[in-house]
Amino acid sequence: MCIPCFFTISTAESGVIERNGKFSRLVQPGLSFVMCPYEQLVGRLSFRVQQLDVRVETKTLDNVFLTAVVSVQYQILREKVYDAFYVSRNLYSQA
């Protein structure tokens, strides 16, 4: 038995739908639905500019260690949502 489950995606987001645990489609902003229990919304990706602060330690020419904080700003491209969700799963653990 299939039951339609409705949900909304915000303006600057895209949703990822999986059917039976496998990628099915991307959902654009607005009202959408999935057929429960076969499909589910597994994630939402924001297209807003985000910032990742990374602490970097380096050694200078005179053997002094210096710690600096580097701020990286990034934004997910609309045509690369699949790669951003499945390939780059956890950006904070890669830093």
N, C-alpha and C. Protein backbone atom coordinates (compact mmCIF):
# COMPACT_ATOMS: atom_id res chain seq x y z
N MET A 1 0.84 -1.18 0.00
CA MET A 1 0.00 0.00 0.00
C MET A 1 0.88 1.24 0.00
N CYS A 2 0.68 2.14 -0.94
CA CYS A 2 1.43 3.38 -1.04
C CYS A 2 0.63 4.52 -0.44
N ILE A 3 1.30 5.31 0.37
CA ILE A 3 0.67 6.47 0.99
C ILE A 3 1.47 7.69 0.58
N PRO A 4 0.87 8.69 -0.06
CA PRO A 4 1.62 9.91 -0.41
C PRO A 4 1.90 10.74 0.83
N CYS A 5 3.16 11.09 1.02
CA CYS A 5 3.57 11.93 2.14
C CYS A 5 4.06 13.26 1.55
N PHE A 6 3.45 14.35 1.96
CA PHE A 6 3.77 15.66 1.42
C PHE A 6 4.78 16.37 2.31
N PHE A 7 5.62 17.20 1.69
CA PHE A 7 6.62 18.00 2.40
C PHE A 7 6.94 19.23 1.55
N THR A 8 7.61 20.21 2.16
CA THR A 8 8.00 21.42 1.43
C THR A 8 9.52 21.57 1.45
N ILE A 9 10.03 22.15 0.39
CA ILE A 9 11.45 22.50 0.28
C ILE A 9 11.53 24.02 0.20
N SER A 10 12.39 24.62 1.01
CA SER A 10 12.53 26.08 1.04
C SER A 10 13.13 26.61 -0.26
N THR A 11 13.11 27.93 -0.39
CA THR A 11 13.51 28.58 -1.63
C THR A 11 14.95 28.30 -2.04
N ALA A 12 15.88 28.38 -1.14
CA ALA A 12 17.29 28.22 -1.48
C ALA A 12 17.79 26.81 -1.17
N GLU A 13 16.94 25.81 -1.34
CA GLU A 13 17.31 24.43 -1.04
C GLU A 13 16.91 23.49 -2.18
N SER A 14 17.46 22.30 -2.13
CA SER A 14 17.07 21.21 -3.02
C SER A 14 17.01 19.95 -2.17
N GLY A 15 16.04 19.09 -2.45
CA GLY A 15 15.89 17.86 -1.69
C GLY A 15 16.36 16.65 -2.48
N VAL A 16 16.83 15.63 -1.76
CA VAL A 16 17.31 14.39 -2.38
C VAL A 16 16.35 13.27 -1.98
N ILE A 17 15.79 12.59 -2.98
CA ILE A 17 14.83 11.51 -2.76
C ILE A 17 15.49 10.18 -3.13
N GLU A 18 15.34 9.20 -2.25
CA GLU A 18 15.80 7.84 -2.53
C GLU A 18 14.60 6.91 -2.57
N ARG A 19 14.63 5.96 -3.51
CA ARG A 19 13.59 4.93 -3.61
C ARG A 19 14.24 3.60 -3.29
N ASN A 20 13.76 2.94 -2.24
CA ASN A 20 14.30 1.67 -1.76
C ASN A 20 15.81 1.75 -1.49
N GLY A 21 16.27 2.88 -0.94
CA GLY A 21 17.67 3.05 -0.58
C GLY A 21 18.59 3.46 -1.70
N LYS A 22 18.07 3.73 -2.88
CA LYS A 22 18.89 4.11 -4.03
C LYS A 22 18.42 5.46 -4.54
N PHE A 23 19.36 6.29 -5.03
CA PHE A 23 19.01 7.62 -5.52
C PHE A 23 17.91 7.54 -6.56
N SER A 24 16.90 8.40 -6.40
CA SER A 24 15.79 8.43 -7.34
C SER A 24 15.73 9.74 -8.10
N ARG A 25 15.67 10.88 -7.37
CA ARG A 25 15.54 12.16 -8.04
C ARG A 25 15.86 13.30 -7.07
N LEU A 26 15.99 14.50 -7.67
CA LEU A 26 16.17 15.73 -6.91
C LEU A 26 14.85 16.48 -6.91
N VAL A 27 14.55 17.15 -5.81
CA VAL A 27 13.29 17.88 -5.67
C VAL A 27 13.61 19.37 -5.59
N GLN A 28 12.90 20.15 -6.39
CA GLN A 28 13.07 21.60 -6.42
C GLN A 28 12.23 22.24 -5.32
N PRO A 29 12.47 23.54 -5.03
CA PRO A 29 11.69 24.23 -3.98
C PRO A 29 10.19 24.21 -4.26
N GLY A 30 9.43 24.09 -3.19
CA GLY A 30 7.97 24.07 -3.29
C GLY A 30 7.39 22.85 -2.60
N LEU A 31 6.15 22.55 -2.89
CA LEU A 31 5.45 21.41 -2.31
C LEU A 31 5.72 20.17 -3.15
N SER A 32 6.11 19.09 -2.50
CA SER A 32 6.41 17.83 -3.18
C SER A 32 5.85 16.68 -2.36
N PHE A 33 5.95 15.48 -2.90
CA PHE A 33 5.49 14.31 -2.16
C PHE A 33 6.37 13.11 -2.51
N VAL A 34 6.38 12.14 -1.59
CA VAL A 34 7.03 10.85 -1.82
C VAL A 34 5.99 9.77 -1.55
N MET A 35 6.19 8.63 -2.14
CA MET A 35 5.28 7.51 -1.94
C MET A 35 5.84 6.62 -0.81
N CYS A 36 5.32 6.82 0.40
CA CYS A 36 5.76 6.05 1.56
C CYS A 36 5.23 4.63 1.44
N PRO A 37 5.93 3.61 1.80
CA PRO A 37 7.25 3.53 2.40
C PRO A 37 8.37 3.30 1.38
N TYR A 38 8.07 3.40 0.09
CA TYR A 38 9.07 3.10 -0.93
C TYR A 38 10.09 4.22 -1.13
N GLU A 39 9.66 5.46 -0.98
CA GLU A 39 10.53 6.61 -1.18
C GLU A 39 10.66 7.37 0.13
N GLN A 40 11.79 8.08 0.26
CA GLN A 40 11.95 8.94 1.42
C GLN A 40 12.87 10.11 1.07
N LEU A 41 12.63 11.23 1.75
CA LEU A 41 13.48 12.41 1.63
C LEU A 41 14.67 12.19 2.55
N VAL A 42 15.87 12.02 1.97
CA VAL A 42 17.04 11.68 2.78
C VAL A 42 17.90 12.89 3.12
N GLY A 43 17.68 14.02 2.44
CA GLY A 43 18.48 15.19 2.77
C GLY A 43 18.04 16.43 2.03
N ARG A 44 18.50 17.55 2.56
CA ARG A 44 18.26 18.85 1.95
C ARG A 44 19.61 19.55 1.85
N LEU A 45 19.86 20.18 0.71
CA LEU A 45 21.10 20.93 0.52
C LEU A 45 20.77 22.39 0.28
N SER A 46 21.50 23.26 0.94
CA SER A 46 21.27 24.69 0.83
C SER A 46 22.17 25.28 -0.26
N PHE A 47 21.63 26.21 -1.04
CA PHE A 47 22.41 26.90 -2.06
C PHE A 47 22.98 28.21 -1.53
N ARG A 48 22.80 28.49 -0.26
CA ARG A 48 23.34 29.72 0.34
C ARG A 48 24.86 29.60 0.49
N VAL A 49 25.52 30.74 0.54
CA VAL A 49 26.97 30.75 0.77
C VAL A 49 27.21 30.34 2.22
N GLN A 50 28.08 29.34 2.41
CA GLN A 50 28.39 28.84 3.74
C GLN A 50 29.87 29.05 4.03
N GLN A 51 30.23 29.06 5.30
CA GLN A 51 31.61 29.31 5.69
C GLN A 51 32.11 28.19 6.58
N LEU A 52 33.33 27.76 6.28
CA LEU A 52 33.99 26.71 7.05
C LEU A 52 35.29 27.28 7.60
N ASP A 53 35.42 27.32 8.93
CA ASP A 53 36.64 27.82 9.57
C ASP A 53 37.58 26.65 9.85
N VAL A 54 38.82 26.76 9.35
CA VAL A 54 39.80 25.70 9.48
C VAL A 54 41.02 26.25 10.19
N ARG A 55 41.48 25.54 11.23
CA ARG A 55 42.68 25.93 11.95
C ARG A 55 43.88 25.22 11.32
N VAL A 56 44.87 26.02 10.88
CA VAL A 56 46.03 25.50 10.17
C VAL A 56 47.29 25.83 10.95
N GLU A 57 48.16 24.83 11.13
CA GLU A 57 49.44 25.06 11.79
C GLU A 57 50.55 24.89 10.76
N THR A 58 51.46 25.87 10.70
CA THR A 58 52.53 25.83 9.72
C THR A 58 53.85 26.24 10.38
N LYS A 59 54.94 25.90 9.72
CA LYS A 59 56.28 26.18 10.23
C LYS A 59 56.95 27.20 9.31
N THR A 60 57.49 28.26 9.90
CA THR A 60 58.14 29.31 9.11
C THR A 60 59.59 28.93 8.83
N LEU A 61 60.27 29.76 8.04
CA LEU A 61 61.67 29.48 7.69
C LEU A 61 62.61 29.52 8.90
N ASP A 62 62.26 30.28 9.94
CA ASP A 62 63.11 30.34 11.14
C ASP A 62 62.62 29.39 12.23
N ASN A 63 61.97 28.29 11.85
CA ASN A 63 61.53 27.21 12.73
C ASN A 63 60.56 27.65 13.83
N VAL A 64 59.69 28.56 13.53
CA VAL A 64 58.65 29.00 14.45
C VAL A 64 57.32 28.45 13.93
N PHE A 65 56.56 27.85 14.84
CA PHE A 65 55.26 27.33 14.45
C PHE A 65 54.21 28.42 14.59
N LEU A 66 53.38 28.53 13.60
CA LEU A 66 52.35 29.55 13.56
C LEU A 66 51.00 28.88 13.33
N THR A 67 50.02 29.26 14.13
CA THR A 67 48.66 28.74 13.97
C THR A 67 47.78 29.86 13.43
N ALA A 68 47.10 29.57 12.33
CA ALA A 68 46.23 30.56 11.70
C ALA A 68 44.86 29.93 11.45
N VAL A 69 43.86 30.77 11.47
CA VAL A 69 42.51 30.32 11.15
C VAL A 69 42.19 30.80 9.73
N VAL A 70 41.86 29.86 8.88
CA VAL A 70 41.52 30.17 7.49
C VAL A 70 40.02 29.95 7.32
N SER A 71 39.35 30.94 6.79
CA SER A 71 37.91 30.84 6.54
C SER A 71 37.67 30.58 5.06
N VAL A 72 37.00 29.47 4.78
CA VAL A 72 36.69 29.09 3.41
C VAL A 72 35.20 29.26 3.19
N GLN A 73 34.84 30.05 2.19
CA GLN A 73 33.43 30.22 1.86
C GLN A 73 33.14 29.40 0.60
N TYR A 74 32.03 28.68 0.63
CA TYR A 74 31.68 27.82 -0.50
C TYR A 74 30.18 27.86 -0.73
N GLN A 75 29.80 27.50 -1.95
CA GLN A 75 28.39 27.45 -2.32
C GLN A 75 28.19 26.27 -3.26
N ILE A 76 27.14 25.51 -3.05
CA ILE A 76 26.84 24.36 -3.89
C ILE A 76 26.22 24.85 -5.19
N LEU A 77 26.73 24.36 -6.30
CA LEU A 77 26.17 24.70 -7.61
C LEU A 77 24.94 23.85 -7.87
N ARG A 78 23.94 24.42 -8.51
CA ARG A 78 22.68 23.71 -8.75
C ARG A 78 22.86 22.46 -9.61
N GLU A 79 23.81 22.48 -10.53
CA GLU A 79 24.03 21.31 -11.38
C GLU A 79 24.91 20.24 -10.72
N LYS A 80 25.44 20.50 -9.53
CA LYS A 80 26.31 19.56 -8.82
C LYS A 80 25.72 19.09 -7.50
N VAL A 81 24.40 19.10 -7.35
CA VAL A 81 23.76 18.71 -6.10
C VAL A 81 24.02 17.24 -5.78
N TYR A 82 23.95 16.38 -6.78
CA TYR A 82 24.19 14.95 -6.56
C TYR A 82 25.60 14.72 -6.01
N ASP A 83 26.60 15.34 -6.62
CA ASP A 83 27.99 15.19 -6.15
C ASP A 83 28.16 15.75 -4.75
N ALA A 84 27.53 16.88 -4.47
CA ALA A 84 27.67 17.50 -3.15
C ALA A 84 27.06 16.62 -2.06
N PHE A 85 25.99 15.91 -2.38
CA PHE A 85 25.34 15.09 -1.36
C PHE A 85 26.00 13.73 -1.19
N TYR A 86 26.37 13.07 -2.28
CA TYR A 86 26.88 11.71 -2.18
C TYR A 86 28.40 11.62 -2.17
N VAL A 87 29.11 12.49 -2.87
CA VAL A 87 30.57 12.41 -2.92
C VAL A 87 31.19 13.12 -1.73
N SER A 88 30.78 14.35 -1.46
CA SER A 88 31.31 15.14 -0.35
C SER A 88 30.34 15.06 0.82
N ARG A 89 30.21 13.92 1.42
CA ARG A 89 29.18 13.68 2.42
C ARG A 89 29.37 14.50 3.68
N ASN A 90 30.58 14.56 4.27
CA ASN A 90 30.79 15.28 5.52
C ASN A 90 31.99 16.19 5.37
N LEU A 91 31.75 17.46 5.03
CA LEU A 91 32.83 18.40 4.79
C LEU A 91 33.61 18.72 6.06
N TYR A 92 32.95 18.72 7.22
CA TYR A 92 33.63 19.11 8.46
C TYR A 92 34.63 18.05 8.91
N SER A 93 34.43 16.78 8.60
CA SER A 93 35.39 15.76 8.99
C SER A 93 36.59 15.73 8.04
N GLN A 94 36.48 16.31 6.85
CA GLN A 94 37.58 16.34 5.90
C GLN A 94 38.54 17.48 6.17
N ALA A 95 38.16 18.44 7.00
CA ALA A 95 38.99 19.62 7.24
C ALA A 95 40.21 19.29 8.06
